[in-house]
């Protein structure tokens, strides 16, 4: 049995076992995952934060160093996609549905916790800062570092488009490199599959609640959730039969246009002055606090803050790491021809700025209601987090139209993410084939659907977050290794050029 066949068999078997366990005994899977994740966070939380900050610093350093002019590909290669389409595609793959889901709910959740220990105005300010940190430049530093290593070695050094490519290219004759490379590809597949499965579940919950609201319901039923899930699977399977290209760009651009329109709509028709102040204030807070916060572990602040740090900050960081190999390969695939400087600045700045504006607008209107309004949105966050974004839209004009637009955007973000993930999983499990066969892609699409069903049966967003974290924990070490390989590879190229 060849290496790629072994990898395909082992990964399919592992994911099938996890998915089957989640379907048959979701409570047992969640319990065991929580035990492992909580113990890891207690003992290795410092390592996660240090690794994430190191990846970000590496990206920034590369952009402004002599390596920044190196092109991801041949010297005469140029980008396939325009910069706006490129940013829309990487954003849709990396964060799309999560932003829709947590737009209002996350700032309000942090506010509910923070107001117990500080005055409400400061609690509101800190809640937006925490949210921006979770979705900002550190997350894209993880994506950027992983993608940059894969893109450089694939397009510049001729390595297969695999996580193992950089490792085995630098150490072609070492047995340990082959073993570590195989394990890296295997862990990447597991992390991708579980991470995307969790996003499917979140997307289904949100779309089902949106549809239920449009039907005049109070709580999405299990039947409605099942119907939405079935429609979503039916929507993403056909695209797996065709090539990945311009169609993905169109879907991503459409989803991003809807998202931008929703932000503008909220700012213009909501409490405009408050929201614009919220965006500017939160941007300033984030710029000055982002780097120091990357080294904070809240060790000296007691059990309550420690538990919050684990449940949110650490969970988010490993969540992005879980998506790192998937988004990394996808970004690498659409970034051929760009220089390292273009790549880093585009990946770090564009999505981060949009996220700050997004949460400043949607989170700002939620905080406006908590501080100066009825507080109904804050109360809803504690009982039905999936419904909060739609509840906010109901307070503004044309709620039916905006709810429908949000449902469509969430649906498109999920479809683009799953289709992209199935292609990447097919690439990984076939030894780096950039265009895996439709049969392999369909197999992965079905397995992602089964994992999504297992996550849905887990029954709560907190459970989903634990399940995603369990898939990402081993991959933290692989990310660090990829960064080391990238720096060594760049130094080799520049040294040879100087000679």
Protein backbone atom coordinates (compact mmCIF):
# COMPACT_ATOMS: atom_id res chain seq x y z
CA UNK A 1 0.00 0.00 0.00
CA UNK A 2 1.42 3.37 -1.03
CA UNK A 3 1.89 6.28 1.33
CA UNK A 4 -1.06 8.24 -0.08
CA UNK A 5 -3.29 5.17 0.11
CA UNK A 6 -2.26 4.59 3.73
CA UNK A 7 -2.95 8.22 4.56
CA UNK A 8 -6.34 8.12 2.83
CA UNK A 9 -7.36 4.92 4.60
CA UNK A 10 -6.14 6.06 8.05
CA UNK A 11 -7.79 9.47 7.81
CA UNK A 12 -11.09 8.15 6.47
CA UNK A 13 -11.16 5.52 9.22
CA UNK A 14 -10.38 8.04 11.98
CA UNK A 15 -12.95 10.59 10.81
CA UNK A 16 -15.55 7.86 10.35
CA UNK A 17 -14.97 6.63 13.90
CA UNK A 18 -15.25 10.14 15.35
CA UNK A 19 -18.36 10.88 13.28
CA UNK A 20 -19.95 7.55 14.21
CA UNK A 21 -19.20 8.09 17.88
CA UNK A 22 -20.77 11.53 17.69
CA UNK A 23 -23.93 10.17 16.08
CA UNK A 24 -24.32 7.16 18.39
CA UNK A 25 -23.16 8.73 21.67
CA UNK A 26 -22.82 12.52 21.35
CA UNK A 27 -22.75 13.09 25.12
CA UNK A 28 -19.90 10.64 25.58
CA UNK A 29 -17.85 12.25 22.80
CA UNK A 30 -18.38 15.73 24.24
CA UNK A 31 -17.49 14.60 27.78
CA UNK A 32 -14.24 12.95 26.75
CA UNK A 33 -13.28 15.85 24.49
CA UNK A 34 -13.90 18.34 27.29
CA UNK A 35 -11.67 16.42 29.69
CA UNK A 36 -8.75 16.39 27.25
CA UNK A 37 -9.16 20.00 26.12
CA UNK A 38 -9.51 21.42 29.64
CA UNK A 39 -6.42 19.59 30.83
CA UNK A 40 -4.40 20.74 27.82
CA UNK A 41 -5.46 24.35 28.29
CA UNK A 42 -4.47 24.28 31.94
CA UNK A 43 -1.00 22.91 31.25
CA UNK A 44 -0.19 24.31 27.78
CA UNK A 45 -2.19 27.51 27.43
CA UNK A 46 1.01 29.54 27.60
CA UNK A 47 2.45 27.56 24.68
CA UNK A 48 -0.60 28.19 22.51
CA UNK A 49 -0.46 31.97 23.06
CA UNK A 50 3.31 32.08 22.58
CA UNK A 51 3.07 30.09 19.35
CA UNK A 52 0.27 32.24 17.94
CA UNK A 53 2.15 35.47 18.71
CA UNK A 54 5.33 34.04 17.19
CA UNK A 55 3.50 33.19 13.94
CA UNK A 56 2.15 36.73 13.73
CA UNK A 57 5.56 38.31 14.36
CA UNK A 58 7.12 36.06 11.74
CA UNK A 59 4.59 37.19 9.11
CA UNK A 60 5.14 40.88 9.90
CA UNK A 61 8.92 40.48 9.87
CA UNK A 62 8.86 38.68 6.51
CA UNK A 63 6.70 41.38 4.93
CA UNK A 64 9.20 44.14 5.75
CA UNK A 65 12.40 42.14 5.35
CA UNK A 66 14.44 41.45 2.22
CA UNK A 67 12.32 38.30 1.76
CA UNK A 68 9.20 40.39 1.13
CA UNK A 69 9.95 40.79 -2.59
CA UNK A 70 10.16 37.03 -3.21
CA UNK A 71 7.27 35.92 -5.39
CA UNK A 72 5.15 32.86 -4.60
CA UNK A 73 5.91 31.17 -7.88
CA UNK A 74 8.23 31.91 -10.76
CA UNK A 75 9.55 35.46 -11.03
CA UNK A 76 7.28 36.13 -14.01
CA UNK A 77 4.10 34.70 -12.42
CA UNK A 78 1.27 37.11 -11.67
CA UNK A 79 -1.90 36.71 -9.53
CA UNK A 80 -4.83 34.82 -11.05
CA UNK A 81 -7.48 36.78 -9.12
CA UNK A 82 -7.98 40.50 -8.55
CA UNK A 83 -7.18 41.73 -5.05
CA UNK A 84 -10.84 42.31 -4.03
CA UNK A 85 -11.86 38.82 -5.24
CA UNK A 86 -8.80 37.32 -3.57
CA UNK A 87 -9.60 38.91 -0.19
CA UNK A 88 -13.27 37.94 -0.51
CA UNK A 89 -12.37 34.30 -1.20
CA UNK A 90 -9.90 33.95 1.66
CA UNK A 91 -12.30 35.75 4.01
CA UNK A 92 -15.25 33.55 3.03
CA UNK A 93 -13.19 30.41 3.54
CA UNK A 94 -11.61 31.58 6.78
CA UNK A 95 -14.34 33.21 8.83
CA UNK A 96 -17.55 33.93 6.93
CA UNK A 97 -20.26 32.02 8.77
CA UNK A 98 -18.65 32.61 12.16
CA UNK A 99 -18.92 36.38 11.75
CA UNK A 100 -22.63 36.10 10.99
CA UNK A 101 -23.20 33.78 13.94
CA UNK A 102 -21.27 35.77 16.57
CA UNK A 103 -21.82 39.31 15.21
CA UNK A 104 -23.98 40.39 18.15
CA UNK A 105 -23.81 37.40 20.46
CA UNK A 106 -20.10 37.39 21.30
CA UNK A 107 -19.72 41.03 22.41
CA UNK A 108 -22.89 40.69 24.50
CA UNK A 109 -21.70 37.41 26.05
CA UNK A 110 -18.43 39.04 27.10
CA UNK A 111 -20.34 42.07 28.37
CA UNK A 112 -22.60 39.89 30.53
CA UNK A 113 -19.51 38.40 32.17
CA UNK A 114 -17.49 41.63 32.43
CA UNK A 115 -20.23 43.78 33.99
CA UNK A 116 -20.10 41.55 37.07
CA UNK A 117 -16.58 42.75 37.83
CA UNK A 118 -16.37 46.28 36.33
CA UNK A 119 -18.63 49.26 35.53
CA UNK A 120 -20.91 48.68 32.49
CA UNK A 121 -19.26 51.29 30.19
CA UNK A 122 -15.82 49.76 30.74
CA UNK A 123 -17.32 46.28 30.41
CA UNK A 124 -18.74 47.27 27.01
CA UNK A 125 -15.39 48.60 25.85
CA UNK A 126 -13.56 45.47 27.03
CA UNK A 127 -16.12 43.16 25.44
CA UNK A 128 -15.48 44.65 22.00
CA UNK A 129 -11.73 44.54 22.57
CA UNK A 130 -11.89 40.85 23.48
CA UNK A 131 -14.04 40.08 20.43
CA UNK A 132 -11.72 41.94 18.07
CA UNK A 133 -8.73 40.13 19.55
CA UNK A 134 -10.37 36.75 18.96
CA UNK A 135 -11.19 37.53 15.31
CA UNK A 136 -8.34 39.85 14.41
CA UNK A 137 -4.74 39.86 13.31
CA UNK A 138 -3.63 36.89 15.44
CA UNK A 139 -6.14 34.61 13.74
CA UNK A 140 -4.95 35.75 10.34
CA UNK A 141 -1.35 35.39 11.50
CA UNK A 142 -2.05 31.68 11.99
CA UNK A 143 -3.64 31.42 8.56
CA UNK A 144 -0.94 33.52 6.95
CA UNK A 145 1.99 31.59 8.41
CA UNK A 146 0.54 28.22 7.41
CA UNK A 147 -0.47 29.40 3.94
CA UNK A 148 2.84 31.13 3.31
CA UNK A 149 4.88 28.02 4.12
CA UNK A 150 2.75 25.84 1.86
CA UNK A 151 2.58 28.39 -0.98
CA UNK A 152 6.32 29.09 -0.96
CA UNK A 153 7.40 25.46 -1.05
CA UNK A 154 4.70 24.49 -3.55
CA UNK A 155 5.07 27.27 -6.10
CA UNK A 156 8.71 28.24 -5.52
CA UNK A 157 10.36 24.92 -4.66
CA UNK A 158 8.10 22.42 -6.45
CA UNK A 159 6.88 20.58 -3.35
CA UNK A 160 3.48 18.86 -3.30
CA UNK A 161 0.67 21.00 -1.89
CA UNK A 162 0.75 19.27 1.49
CA UNK A 163 1.58 20.23 5.06
CA UNK A 164 4.44 17.74 4.80
CA UNK A 165 5.81 19.47 1.67
CA UNK A 166 8.07 21.98 3.46
CA UNK A 167 9.37 19.37 5.91
CA UNK A 168 10.27 16.73 3.33
CA UNK A 169 11.65 19.26 0.84
CA UNK A 170 14.20 20.54 3.35
CA UNK A 171 15.11 17.07 4.65
CA UNK A 172 14.59 14.76 1.66
CA UNK A 173 16.84 11.95 2.86
CA UNK A 174 15.85 11.87 6.52
CA UNK A 175 13.63 9.04 7.73
CA UNK A 176 12.31 11.12 10.62
CA UNK A 177 11.15 13.80 8.14
CA UNK A 178 9.03 11.26 6.27
CA UNK A 179 7.46 10.03 9.52
CA UNK A 180 6.82 13.55 10.82
CA UNK A 181 5.52 14.58 7.39
CA UNK A 182 3.02 11.71 7.26
CA UNK A 183 1.82 12.47 10.79
CA UNK A 184 1.54 16.19 9.92
CA UNK A 185 -0.68 15.44 6.92
CA UNK A 186 -2.78 13.07 9.01
CA UNK A 187 -3.23 15.59 11.86
CA UNK A 188 -4.07 18.30 9.31
CA UNK A 189 -6.82 16.16 7.81
CA UNK A 190 -8.33 15.43 11.23
CA UNK A 191 -8.16 19.10 12.28
CA UNK A 192 -9.74 20.30 9.04
CA UNK A 193 -12.56 17.76 9.08
CA UNK A 194 -13.57 18.37 12.69
CA UNK A 195 -13.26 22.15 12.35
CA UNK A 196 -15.40 22.31 9.23
CA UNK A 197 -17.91 19.89 10.75
CA UNK A 198 -18.36 22.33 13.64
CA UNK A 199 -18.90 25.23 11.25
CA UNK A 200 -21.54 23.24 9.38
CA UNK A 201 -23.40 22.74 12.65
CA UNK A 202 -23.23 26.44 13.56
CA UNK A 203 -24.39 27.43 10.10
CA UNK A 204 -27.31 25.00 10.20
CA UNK A 205 -28.40 26.27 13.63
CA UNK A 206 -28.32 29.87 12.45
CA UNK A 207 -30.07 29.29 9.12
CA UNK A 208 -32.76 27.19 10.81
CA UNK A 209 -33.42 29.91 13.36
CA UNK A 210 -33.61 32.52 10.62
CA UNK A 211 -36.13 30.45 8.67
CA UNK A 212 -38.10 29.83 11.87
CA UNK A 213 -38.27 33.57 12.55
CA UNK A 214 -39.58 34.22 9.04
CA UNK A 215 -42.24 31.57 9.67
CA UNK A 216 -43.26 33.27 12.92
CA UNK A 217 -41.85 30.60 15.24
CA UNK A 218 -40.22 30.95 18.64
CA UNK A 219 -37.69 28.11 18.48
CA UNK A 220 -36.36 26.09 15.53
CA UNK A 221 -37.63 22.52 15.77
CA UNK A 222 -35.52 19.43 15.27
CA UNK A 223 -37.41 18.74 12.06
CA UNK A 224 -36.58 22.18 10.65
CA UNK A 225 -32.93 21.78 11.62
CA UNK A 226 -32.85 18.40 9.86
CA UNK A 227 -34.45 19.88 6.71
CA UNK A 228 -31.97 22.77 6.61
CA UNK A 229 -29.10 20.34 7.10
CA UNK A 230 -30.33 18.12 4.25
CA UNK A 231 -30.71 21.10 1.90
CA UNK A 232 -27.24 22.34 2.78
CA UNK A 233 -25.67 18.96 2.04
CA UNK A 234 -27.61 18.74 -1.21
CA UNK A 235 -26.32 22.22 -2.14
CA UNK A 236 -22.62 21.57 -1.58
CA UNK A 237 -22.35 18.07 -3.10
CA UNK A 238 -22.94 19.03 -6.80
CA UNK A 239 -20.11 21.65 -6.86
CA UNK A 240 -17.73 18.89 -5.75
CA UNK A 241 -18.23 17.28 -9.16
CA UNK A 242 -16.69 20.21 -11.03
CA UNK A 243 -13.41 22.12 -10.91
CA UNK A 244 -12.68 24.70 -8.22
CA UNK A 245 -12.25 28.11 -9.81
CA UNK A 246 -14.29 31.03 -10.99
CA UNK A 247 -17.48 29.61 -9.44
CA UNK A 248 -15.97 29.86 -5.96
CA UNK A 249 -14.94 33.45 -6.62
CA UNK A 250 -18.51 34.36 -7.64
CA UNK A 251 -20.03 32.69 -4.57
CA UNK A 252 -17.52 34.33 -2.23
CA UNK A 253 -17.99 37.74 -3.82
CA UNK A 254 -21.77 37.43 -3.52
CA UNK A 255 -21.55 36.48 0.16
CA UNK A 256 -19.17 39.37 0.88
CA UNK A 257 -21.36 41.89 -0.97
CA UNK A 258 -24.31 40.82 1.19
CA UNK A 259 -22.18 41.09 4.36
CA UNK A 260 -20.97 44.60 3.43
CA UNK A 261 -24.53 45.66 2.63
CA UNK A 262 -25.69 44.40 6.03
CA UNK A 263 -23.00 46.43 7.82
CA UNK A 264 -23.91 49.60 5.93
CA UNK A 265 -27.61 48.99 6.52
CA UNK A 266 -27.06 48.54 10.27
CA UNK A 267 -24.92 51.66 10.62
CA UNK A 268 -27.23 53.88 8.55
CA UNK A 269 -30.56 52.75 10.04
CA UNK A 270 -29.36 52.00 13.56
CA UNK A 271 -28.06 54.48 16.16
CA UNK A 272 -25.56 55.84 13.63
CA UNK A 273 -23.62 58.22 15.86
CA UNK A 274 -23.18 55.59 18.57
CA UNK A 275 -22.10 52.92 16.06
CA UNK A 276 -19.56 55.10 14.26
CA UNK A 277 -18.06 56.07 17.61
CA UNK A 278 -18.09 52.40 18.57
CA UNK A 279 -16.15 51.40 15.43
CA UNK A 280 -13.52 54.14 15.82
CA UNK A 281 -13.12 53.59 19.56
CA UNK A 282 -12.84 49.81 19.27
CA UNK A 283 -10.32 50.18 16.42
CA UNK A 284 -8.12 52.41 18.57
CA UNK A 285 -8.38 50.09 21.56
CA UNK A 286 -7.48 47.12 19.41
CA UNK A 287 -4.48 48.72 17.69
CA UNK A 288 -2.81 49.55 21.01
CA UNK A 289 -3.78 46.35 22.86
CA UNK A 290 -3.50 43.61 20.23
CA UNK A 291 0.20 42.75 20.58
CA UNK A 292 0.40 42.86 24.42
CA UNK A 293 -2.81 40.84 24.69
CA UNK A 294 -1.21 38.07 22.65
CA UNK A 295 1.05 37.37 25.63
CA UNK A 296 -1.62 37.50 28.35
CA UNK A 297 -2.73 34.28 30.02
CA UNK A 298 -4.71 35.85 32.92
CA UNK A 299 -2.80 33.71 35.41
CA UNK A 300 -3.19 36.09 38.35
CA UNK A 301 -6.89 36.93 38.05
CA UNK A 302 -8.64 34.00 39.69
CA UNK A 303 -10.61 30.98 38.55
CA UNK A 304 -13.49 32.84 36.89
CA UNK A 305 -11.30 34.85 34.52
CA UNK A 306 -9.10 31.80 33.99
CA UNK A 307 -12.13 29.77 32.94
CA UNK A 308 -13.27 32.56 30.60
CA UNK A 309 -9.79 32.73 29.07
CA UNK A 310 -9.83 29.00 28.37
CA UNK A 311 -13.40 28.90 27.09
CA UNK A 312 -12.94 31.83 24.75
CA UNK A 313 -9.42 33.04 23.96
CA UNK A 314 -7.64 29.68 23.98
CA UNK A 315 -10.56 27.98 22.28
CA UNK A 316 -10.51 30.56 19.50
CA UNK A 317 -6.77 30.28 18.99
CA UNK A 318 -6.90 26.49 18.60
CA UNK A 319 -10.03 26.92 16.49
CA UNK A 320 -8.03 28.99 13.99
CA UNK A 321 -5.24 26.44 14.19
CA UNK A 322 -7.79 23.72 13.35
CA UNK A 323 -8.74 25.67 10.24
CA UNK A 324 -5.11 26.60 9.53
CA UNK A 325 -4.22 23.74 7.16
CA UNK A 326 -7.52 24.03 5.26
CA UNK A 327 -7.53 27.82 4.91
CA UNK A 328 -3.75 27.74 4.46
CA UNK A 329 -3.89 25.41 1.45
CA UNK A 330 -6.88 27.24 0.01
CA UNK A 331 -5.19 30.65 0.39
CA UNK A 332 -1.98 29.22 -1.03
CA UNK A 333 -3.87 27.88 -4.03
CA UNK A 334 -5.41 31.28 -4.88
CA UNK A 335 -2.26 33.31 -4.09
CA UNK A 336 0.19 32.09 -6.71
CA UNK A 337 2.03 35.00 -8.29
CA UNK A 338 1.84 37.40 -5.33
CA UNK A 339 4.95 38.55 -3.50
CA UNK A 340 5.38 37.64 0.16
CA UNK A 341 4.86 41.31 1.06
CA UNK A 342 1.60 41.52 -0.92
CA UNK A 343 0.46 38.25 0.56
CA UNK A 344 1.14 39.11 4.20
CA UNK A 345 -0.29 42.62 4.08
CA UNK A 346 -3.40 41.44 2.28
CA UNK A 347 -4.02 38.48 4.59
CA UNK A 348 -3.37 40.39 7.83
CA UNK A 349 -4.84 43.82 7.19
CA UNK A 350 -7.90 43.41 4.94
CA UNK A 351 -9.86 40.80 6.92
CA UNK A 352 -8.85 42.30 10.28
CA UNK A 353 -10.10 45.77 9.40
CA UNK A 354 -13.38 44.35 8.12
CA UNK A 355 -13.82 42.30 11.31
CA UNK A 356 -13.32 45.38 13.52
CA UNK A 357 -15.90 47.30 11.49
CA UNK A 358 -18.28 44.33 11.56
CA UNK A 359 -18.22 43.85 15.31
CA UNK A 360 -18.16 47.59 15.94
CA UNK A 361 -21.44 47.86 14.03
CA UNK A 362 -23.33 44.72 15.07
CA UNK A 363 -21.74 44.38 18.50
CA UNK A 364 -22.13 48.11 18.99
CA UNK A 365 -25.88 48.04 18.45
CA UNK A 366 -26.16 45.10 20.85
CA UNK A 367 -24.23 47.03 23.48
CA UNK A 368 -26.33 50.12 22.80
CA UNK A 369 -29.42 48.06 23.68
CA UNK A 370 -27.71 46.70 26.82
CA UNK A 371 -26.57 50.13 28.04
CA UNK A 372 -29.39 52.41 26.91
CA UNK A 373 -32.24 50.17 25.79
CA UNK A 374 -34.37 47.31 27.07
CA UNK A 375 -31.57 44.77 27.42
CA UNK A 376 -33.63 42.14 25.59
CA UNK A 377 -30.76 41.20 23.28
CA UNK A 378 -28.48 40.63 26.26
CA UNK A 379 -31.10 38.38 27.88
CA UNK A 380 -31.57 36.44 24.61
CA UNK A 381 -27.82 35.80 24.41
CA UNK A 382 -28.08 33.70 27.57
CA UNK A 383 -30.95 31.56 26.25
CA UNK A 384 -30.70 31.30 22.44
CA UNK A 385 -27.41 32.53 21.04
CA UNK A 386 -28.29 31.41 17.49
CA UNK A 387 -31.19 33.87 17.36
CA UNK A 388 -29.52 37.07 18.53
CA UNK A 389 -28.45 38.43 15.13
CA UNK A 390 -31.95 37.96 13.75
CA UNK A 391 -33.48 39.55 16.84
CA UNK A 392 -31.36 42.63 16.21
CA UNK A 393 -32.45 42.82 12.56
CA UNK A 394 -36.10 42.66 13.67
CA UNK A 395 -35.61 46.02 15.42
CA UNK A 396 -34.62 47.76 12.17
CA UNK A 397 -36.72 48.50 9.06
CA UNK A 398 -37.30 45.77 6.45
CA UNK A 399 -36.58 42.87 8.85
CA UNK A 400 -37.89 40.22 6.43
CA UNK A 401 -35.51 41.35 3.71
CA UNK A 402 -32.45 41.58 5.98
CA UNK A 403 -33.23 38.25 7.64
CA UNK A 404 -33.48 36.61 4.23
CA UNK A 405 -30.20 38.23 3.18
CA UNK A 406 -28.48 36.94 6.33
CA UNK A 407 -29.79 33.44 5.69
CA UNK A 408 -28.50 33.54 2.11
CA UNK A 409 -25.09 34.86 3.20
CA UNK A 410 -24.75 32.19 5.91
CA UNK A 411 -25.76 29.52 3.42
CA UNK A 412 -23.22 30.71 0.84
CA UNK A 413 -20.43 30.95 3.42
CA UNK A 414 -21.07 27.38 4.53
CA UNK A 415 -21.26 26.01 0.99
CA UNK A 416 -18.01 27.74 -0.03
CA UNK A 417 -16.26 26.53 3.13
CA UNK A 418 -17.35 22.90 2.73
CA UNK A 419 -16.58 22.75 -0.98
CA UNK A 420 -13.15 24.27 -0.38
CA UNK A 421 -12.50 21.91 2.53
CA UNK A 422 -13.49 18.83 0.53
CA UNK A 423 -11.07 19.83 -2.23
CA UNK A 424 -8.28 20.40 0.30
CA UNK A 425 -8.98 17.11 2.10
CA UNK A 426 -8.94 15.34 -1.24
CA UNK A 427 -5.60 16.98 -2.05
CA UNK A 428 -4.09 15.96 1.28
CA UNK A 429 -5.35 12.39 1.17
CA UNK A 430 -4.11 11.75 -2.40
CA UNK A 431 -0.50 12.79 -1.96
CA UNK A 432 -0.89 16.41 -3.00
CA UNK A 433 -3.03 16.11 -6.14
CA UNK A 434 -4.35 19.69 -6.66
CA UNK A 435 -7.38 18.31 -8.51
CA UNK A 436 -8.47 15.13 -6.69
CA UNK A 437 -11.03 12.98 -8.43
CA UNK A 438 -14.74 13.75 -8.00
CA UNK A 439 -15.17 10.42 -6.22
CA UNK A 440 -12.65 11.37 -3.51
CA UNK A 441 -14.19 14.83 -3.15
CA UNK A 442 -17.68 13.39 -2.80
CA UNK A 443 -16.46 10.93 -0.14
CA UNK A 444 -15.04 13.79 1.88
CA UNK A 445 -18.16 15.87 1.33
CA UNK A 446 -20.30 13.07 2.73
CA UNK A 447 -18.00 12.57 5.71
CA UNK A 448 -18.05 16.29 6.46
CA UNK A 449 -21.83 16.09 6.41
CA UNK A 450 -21.80 13.18 8.88
CA UNK A 451 -19.42 15.12 11.15
CA UNK A 452 -21.75 18.10 10.91
CA UNK A 453 -24.65 15.87 11.94
CA UNK A 454 -22.63 14.63 14.91
CA UNK A 455 -21.94 18.22 15.96
CA UNK A 456 -25.63 19.08 15.62
CA UNK A 457 -26.53 16.14 17.83
CA UNK A 458 -24.05 17.43 20.42
CA UNK A 459 -26.74 20.02 21.01
CA UNK A 460 -24.88 23.17 22.04
CA UNK A 461 -22.36 25.69 20.77
CA UNK A 462 -20.09 25.10 23.79
CA UNK A 463 -19.96 21.40 22.96
CA UNK A 464 -19.12 22.18 19.34
CA UNK A 465 -16.26 24.44 20.43
CA UNK A 466 -14.79 21.64 22.55
CA UNK A 467 -15.02 19.16 19.69
CA UNK A 468 -13.27 21.56 17.32
CA UNK A 469 -10.51 22.16 19.87
CA UNK A 470 -9.80 18.45 20.32
CA UNK A 471 -9.02 18.13 16.62
CA UNK A 472 -6.62 21.07 16.63
CA UNK A 473 -4.48 20.40 19.71
CA UNK A 474 -1.81 18.24 18.04
CA UNK A 475 -1.53 20.60 15.08
CA UNK A 476 -0.15 23.45 17.21
CA UNK A 477 3.28 21.80 17.06
CA UNK A 478 3.04 21.31 13.28
CA UNK A 479 2.37 25.04 12.78
CA UNK A 480 5.55 25.89 14.67
CA UNK A 481 7.52 23.40 12.58
CA UNK A 482 6.17 24.90 9.34
CA UNK A 483 7.36 28.35 10.41
CA UNK A 484 10.86 27.01 11.08
CA UNK A 485 10.90 25.32 7.66
CA UNK A 486 9.76 28.51 5.90
CA UNK A 487 12.48 30.67 7.44
CA UNK A 488 15.13 28.07 6.68
CA UNK A 489 13.93 27.70 3.09
CA UNK A 490 13.94 31.47 2.48
CA UNK A 491 17.42 31.79 3.92
CA UNK A 492 18.66 29.01 1.65
CA UNK A 493 17.24 30.76 -1.42
CA UNK A 494 18.71 34.17 -0.55
CA UNK A 495 22.10 32.65 0.33
CA UNK A 496 22.23 30.79 -2.99
CA UNK A 497 21.21 33.94 -4.86
CA UNK A 498 23.97 35.96 -3.15
CA UNK A 499 26.51 33.35 -4.11
